[in-house]
Amino acid sequence: MKKIVAVFLGVSMSNCVLAGDGSPELKSESQAVIRNAGYQCDKVNGVFPAAFGGSVTVFCDDVYQYIIKDKGGRYTVEVND
């Protein structure tokens, strides 16, 4: 799972062609990372890579906003208030 997220982070950040709200695969992997970190995410509304790489912003349940960051191959999840 981490390999898929890492590949996506690398590809999407250099290829910001995702005009929509994220692919189904990216939504699923992001949701899994968020849940594994102990946060709630029943439905992913959108996943958006940062313009300069290193993170993705995830919107869940029409309420929550999380930022997944790649810290040297270790993923951290932050709640964005």
C-alpha atoms as a PDB file:
ATOM      1  CA  MET A   1       0.000   0.000   0.000  1.00  0.00           C
ATOM      2  CA  LYS A   2       2.795   2.443   0.872  1.00  0.00           C
ATOM      3  CA  LYS A   3       4.418   1.760  -2.489  1.00  0.00           C
ATOM      4  CA  ILE A   4       1.230   2.733  -4.307  1.00  0.00           C
ATOM      5  CA  VAL A   5       0.940   5.994  -2.381  1.00  0.00           C
ATOM      6  CA  ALA A   6       4.648   6.706  -2.922  1.00  0.00           C
ATOM      7  CA  VAL A   7       4.342   6.096  -6.645  1.00  0.00           C
ATOM      8  CA  PHE A   8       1.305   8.322  -6.820  1.00  0.00           C
ATOM      9  CA  LEU A   9       2.974  11.093  -4.822  1.00  0.00           C
ATOM     10  CA  GLY A  10       5.934  11.035  -7.182  1.00  0.00           C
ATOM     11  CA  VAL A  11       3.937  10.832 -10.394  1.00  0.00           C
ATOM     12  CA  SER A  12       1.123  13.196  -9.530  1.00  0.00           C
ATOM     13  CA  MET A  13       3.387  15.880  -8.181  1.00  0.00           C
ATOM     14  CA  SER A  14       5.453  15.974 -11.332  1.00  0.00           C
ATOM     15  CA  ASN A  15       2.413  15.491 -13.533  1.00  0.00           C
ATOM     16  CA  CYS A  16      -0.345  17.698 -12.132  1.00  0.00           C
ATOM     17  CA  VAL A  17      -2.871  16.644 -14.724  1.00  0.00           C
ATOM     18  CA  LEU A  18      -5.480  15.499 -12.209  1.00  0.00           C
ATOM     19  CA  ALA A  19      -8.124  18.098 -12.918  1.00  0.00           C
ATOM     20  CA  GLY A  20     -10.812  16.124 -11.086  1.00  0.00           C
ATOM     21  CA  ASP A  21     -11.030  15.105  -7.476  1.00  0.00           C
ATOM     22  CA  GLY A  22      -8.638  12.148  -7.677  1.00  0.00           C
ATOM     23  CA  SER A  23      -8.705   8.657  -9.118  1.00  0.00           C
ATOM     24  CA  PRO A  24     -10.635   5.879  -7.362  1.00  0.00           C
ATOM     25  CA  GLU A  25      -7.332   4.139  -6.557  1.00  0.00           C
ATOM     26  CA  LEU A  26      -5.855   7.264  -4.990  1.00  0.00           C
ATOM     27  CA  LYS A  27      -9.015   7.849  -2.962  1.00  0.00           C
ATOM     28  CA  SER A  28      -8.957   4.274  -1.679  1.00  0.00           C
ATOM     29  CA  GLU A  29      -5.267   4.353  -0.739  1.00  0.00           C
ATOM     30  CA  SER A  30      -5.579   7.771   0.914  1.00  0.00           C
ATOM     31  CA  GLN A  31      -8.570   6.578   2.931  1.00  0.00           C
ATOM     32  CA  ALA A  32      -6.596   3.534   4.096  1.00  0.00           C
ATOM     33  CA  VAL A  33      -3.622   5.668   5.185  1.00  0.00           C
ATOM     34  CA  ILE A  34      -5.933   8.037   7.098  1.00  0.00           C
ATOM     35  CA  ARG A  35      -7.766   5.189   8.826  1.00  0.00           C
ATOM     36  CA  ASN A  36      -4.487   3.434   9.713  1.00  0.00           C
ATOM     37  CA  ALA A  37      -3.407   6.666  11.405  1.00  0.00           C
ATOM     38  CA  GLY A  38      -6.519   6.462  13.614  1.00  0.00           C
ATOM     39  CA  TYR A  39      -8.661   9.126  11.958  1.00  0.00           C
ATOM     40  CA  GLN A  40     -12.201   8.902  10.618  1.00  0.00           C
ATOM     41  CA  CYS A  41     -12.823   8.865   6.878  1.00  0.00           C
ATOM     42  CA  ASP A  42     -15.933   7.048   5.680  1.00  0.00           C
ATOM     43  CA  LYS A  43     -16.083   8.717   2.248  1.00  0.00           C
ATOM     44  CA  VAL A  44     -13.315  10.513   0.362  1.00  0.00           C
ATOM     45  CA  ASN A  45     -14.705  13.591  -1.393  1.00  0.00           C
ATOM     46  CA  GLY A  46     -11.464  14.605  -3.078  1.00  0.00           C
ATOM     47  CA  VAL A  47      -7.706  14.125  -3.152  1.00  0.00           C
ATOM     48  CA  PHE A  48      -5.466  16.930  -4.380  1.00  0.00           C
ATOM     49  CA  PRO A  49      -1.664  16.813  -4.697  1.00  0.00           C
ATOM     50  CA  ALA A  50       0.363  19.809  -3.526  1.00  0.00           C
ATOM     51  CA  ALA A  51       1.695  21.999  -6.312  1.00  0.00           C
ATOM     52  CA  PHE A  52       5.319  21.531  -5.262  1.00  0.00           C
ATOM     53  CA  GLY A  53       5.153  17.904  -4.157  1.00  0.00           C
ATOM     54  CA  GLY A  54       5.597  15.999  -0.947  1.00  0.00           C
ATOM     55  CA  SER A  55       1.973  15.901   0.165  1.00  0.00           C
ATOM     56  CA  VAL A  56      -1.647  15.400  -0.786  1.00  0.00           C
ATOM     57  CA  THR A  57      -4.713  17.055   0.717  1.00  0.00           C
ATOM     58  CA  VAL A  58      -7.669  14.749   1.313  1.00  0.00           C
ATOM     59  CA  PHE A  59     -11.264  15.815   1.991  1.00  0.00           C
ATOM     60  CA  CYS A  60     -13.437  13.254   3.827  1.00  0.00           C
ATOM     61  CA  ASP A  61     -17.107  13.031   4.797  1.00  0.00           C
ATOM     62  CA  ASP A  62     -17.786  16.637   3.647  1.00  0.00           C
ATOM     63  CA  VAL A  63     -16.274  17.715   6.993  1.00  0.00           C
ATOM     64  CA  TYR A  64     -12.674  16.614   7.519  1.00  0.00           C
ATOM     65  CA  GLN A  65      -9.531  17.773   5.751  1.00  0.00           C
ATOM     66  CA  TYR A  66      -6.292  15.827   6.106  1.00  0.00           C
ATOM     67  CA  ILE A  67      -2.804  16.308   4.741  1.00  0.00           C
ATOM     68  CA  ILE A  68      -0.756  13.192   4.005  1.00  0.00           C
ATOM     69  CA  LYS A  69       2.969  13.943   3.889  1.00  0.00           C
ATOM     70  CA  ASP A  70       5.862  11.781   2.765  1.00  0.00           C
ATOM     71  CA  LYS A  71       8.602  12.032   5.384  1.00  0.00           C
ATOM     72  CA  GLY A  72      11.382   9.931   3.897  1.00  0.00           C
ATOM     73  CA  GLY A  73       9.133   7.005   2.973  1.00  0.00           C
ATOM     74  CA  ARG A  74       7.123   7.260   6.189  1.00  0.00           C
ATOM     75  CA  TYR A  75       3.682   8.778   5.759  1.00  0.00           C
ATOM     76  CA  THR A  76       2.218  11.154   8.306  1.00  0.00           C
ATOM     77  CA  VAL A  77      -1.376  12.314   8.505  1.00  0.00           C
ATOM     78  CA  GLU A  78      -2.217  15.770   9.823  1.00  0.00           C
ATOM     79  CA  VAL A  79      -5.645  17.230  10.477  1.00  0.00           C
ATOM     80  CA  ASN A  80      -5.989  20.545   8.679  1.00  0.00           C
ATOM     81  CA  ASP A  81      -8.268  22.755  10.778  1.00  0.00           C
END
